[in-house]
Every structure is written in C-alpha cells, then in structure tokens.
Amino acid sequence: MARYTGAVCKLCRRETVKLFLKGDRCYSDKCPIEKGASLPGKNAKK
C-alpha cells in the first residue's frame, strides 16, 4: 500500500477539524485550525 507523504495540515484545514496527523504540532498553538486558517485551494475564499 502507498503512504501519503504530502501536506497533512492541508487535510485538517479541508475537513475543518483536527485530525492529529502532525503529532505535537496539532496540540500546539501553531495548528492552522487554531489560527483560523482558510480552506486550502485556489478558490477557497468563495
């Protein structure tokens, strides 16, 4: 099976819920969900 090695914080932002895929970063204040980051993608602000 293949392993996804791409940007996992992008997956959290897309689902708008913490998926705890980055380990300690998800528990810190640096998590994009805590910062209120927008959805990933070109037309995310629509």
N, C-alpha and C. Protein backbone atom coordinates (compact mmCIF):
# COMPACT_ATOMS: atom_id res chain seq x y z
N MET A 1 0.83 -1.19 0.00
CA MET A 1 0.00 0.00 0.00
C MET A 1 0.88 1.25 0.00
N ALA A 2 0.35 2.30 -0.57
CA ALA A 2 1.09 3.56 -0.63
C ALA A 2 0.86 4.37 0.63
N ARG A 3 1.81 5.21 0.93
CA ARG A 3 1.71 6.08 2.10
C ARG A 3 1.64 7.52 1.62
N TYR A 4 0.71 8.30 2.16
CA TYR A 4 0.58 9.70 1.80
C TYR A 4 1.62 10.49 2.56
N THR A 5 2.51 11.16 1.85
CA THR A 5 3.58 11.92 2.48
C THR A 5 3.45 13.41 2.19
N GLY A 6 2.31 13.83 1.72
CA GLY A 6 2.12 15.23 1.38
C GLY A 6 1.78 16.09 2.58
N ALA A 7 1.22 17.24 2.33
CA ALA A 7 0.89 18.21 3.38
C ALA A 7 -0.33 17.74 4.17
N VAL A 8 -0.11 17.32 5.41
CA VAL A 8 -1.21 16.78 6.19
C VAL A 8 -2.00 17.87 6.90
N CYS A 9 -1.40 19.04 7.13
CA CYS A 9 -2.17 20.14 7.71
C CYS A 9 -3.23 20.63 6.72
N LYS A 10 -2.96 20.44 5.43
CA LYS A 10 -3.95 20.79 4.41
C LYS A 10 -5.20 19.93 4.56
N LEU A 11 -5.02 18.66 4.92
CA LEU A 11 -6.16 17.77 5.12
C LEU A 11 -6.99 18.21 6.32
N CYS A 12 -6.34 18.66 7.38
CA CYS A 12 -7.06 19.16 8.56
C CYS A 12 -7.87 20.40 8.21
N ARG A 13 -7.26 21.30 7.43
CA ARG A 13 -7.98 22.52 7.06
C ARG A 13 -9.16 22.22 6.16
N ARG A 14 -9.02 21.25 5.28
CA ARG A 14 -10.11 20.89 4.36
C ARG A 14 -11.30 20.34 5.12
N GLU A 15 -11.05 19.52 6.14
CA GLU A 15 -12.12 18.92 6.93
C GLU A 15 -12.59 19.83 8.05
N THR A 16 -11.87 20.92 8.30
CA THR A 16 -12.13 21.89 9.37
C THR A 16 -12.26 21.22 10.74
N VAL A 17 -11.45 20.21 10.96
CA VAL A 17 -11.40 19.53 12.26
C VAL A 17 -9.97 19.02 12.44
N LYS A 18 -9.52 18.98 13.68
CA LYS A 18 -8.16 18.48 13.93
C LYS A 18 -8.12 16.97 13.72
N LEU A 19 -7.24 16.53 12.84
CA LEU A 19 -7.08 15.10 12.57
C LEU A 19 -5.88 14.52 13.31
N PHE A 20 -5.08 15.38 13.96
CA PHE A 20 -3.91 14.97 14.75
C PHE A 20 -2.94 14.13 13.93
N LEU A 21 -2.65 14.59 12.70
CA LEU A 21 -1.74 13.88 11.81
C LEU A 21 -0.30 14.36 11.95
N LYS A 22 -0.08 15.53 12.55
CA LYS A 22 1.26 16.09 12.66
C LYS A 22 1.89 15.83 14.02
N GLY A 23 1.21 15.12 14.90
CA GLY A 23 1.80 14.83 16.20
C GLY A 23 1.69 16.01 17.15
N ASP A 24 2.83 16.48 17.67
CA ASP A 24 2.85 17.55 18.67
C ASP A 24 2.37 18.88 18.10
N ARG A 25 2.52 19.11 16.82
CA ARG A 25 2.09 20.38 16.24
C ARG A 25 0.57 20.56 16.37
N CYS A 26 -0.18 19.49 16.32
CA CYS A 26 -1.63 19.59 16.43
C CYS A 26 -2.06 19.99 17.84
N TYR A 27 -1.24 19.72 18.82
CA TYR A 27 -1.55 20.09 20.20
C TYR A 27 -1.08 21.50 20.54
N SER A 28 -0.26 22.10 19.70
CA SER A 28 0.28 23.43 20.00
C SER A 28 -0.60 24.51 19.38
N ASP A 29 -0.19 25.77 19.59
CA ASP A 29 -0.92 26.90 19.03
C ASP A 29 -0.57 27.15 17.57
N LYS A 30 0.36 26.39 17.02
CA LYS A 30 0.77 26.56 15.63
C LYS A 30 -0.14 25.83 14.66
N CYS A 31 -1.10 25.10 15.16
CA CYS A 31 -2.01 24.36 14.30
C CYS A 31 -2.86 25.33 13.48
N PRO A 32 -3.03 25.12 12.18
CA PRO A 32 -3.81 26.04 11.36
C PRO A 32 -5.27 26.14 11.78
N ILE A 33 -5.80 25.12 12.39
CA ILE A 33 -7.19 25.18 12.86
C ILE A 33 -7.30 26.19 14.00
N GLU A 34 -6.31 26.22 14.88
CA GLU A 34 -6.29 27.18 15.98
C GLU A 34 -6.11 28.60 15.48
N LYS A 35 -5.34 28.77 14.41
CA LYS A 35 -5.09 30.10 13.87
C LYS A 35 -6.27 30.63 13.06
N GLY A 36 -7.20 29.78 12.71
CA GLY A 36 -8.34 30.20 11.90
C GLY A 36 -7.99 30.32 10.43
N ALA A 37 -7.13 29.45 9.96
CA ALA A 37 -6.70 29.49 8.56
C ALA A 37 -7.86 29.12 7.64
N SER A 38 -7.79 29.65 6.43
CA SER A 38 -8.84 29.37 5.45
C SER A 38 -8.65 27.98 4.87
N LEU A 39 -9.62 27.56 4.10
CA LEU A 39 -9.54 26.26 3.45
C LEU A 39 -8.47 26.28 2.38
N PRO A 40 -7.81 25.16 2.13
CA PRO A 40 -6.78 25.14 1.09
C PRO A 40 -7.41 25.14 -0.29
N GLY A 41 -6.66 25.62 -1.23
CA GLY A 41 -7.13 25.60 -2.61
C GLY A 41 -7.20 26.98 -3.22
N LYS A 42 -7.39 26.99 -4.51
CA LYS A 42 -7.36 28.23 -5.26
C LYS A 42 -8.58 29.10 -4.99
N ASN A 43 -9.75 28.51 -4.91
CA ASN A 43 -10.99 29.27 -4.75
C ASN A 43 -11.60 29.05 -3.37
N ALA A 44 -10.80 28.97 -2.35
CA ALA A 44 -11.30 28.61 -1.03
C ALA A 44 -12.08 29.73 -0.36
N LYS A 45 -11.85 30.97 -0.73
CA LYS A 45 -12.48 32.09 -0.04
C LYS A 45 -13.88 32.40 -0.56
N LYS A 46 -14.33 31.67 -1.56
CA LYS A 46 -15.66 31.93 -2.12
C LYS A 46 -16.74 31.46 -1.20
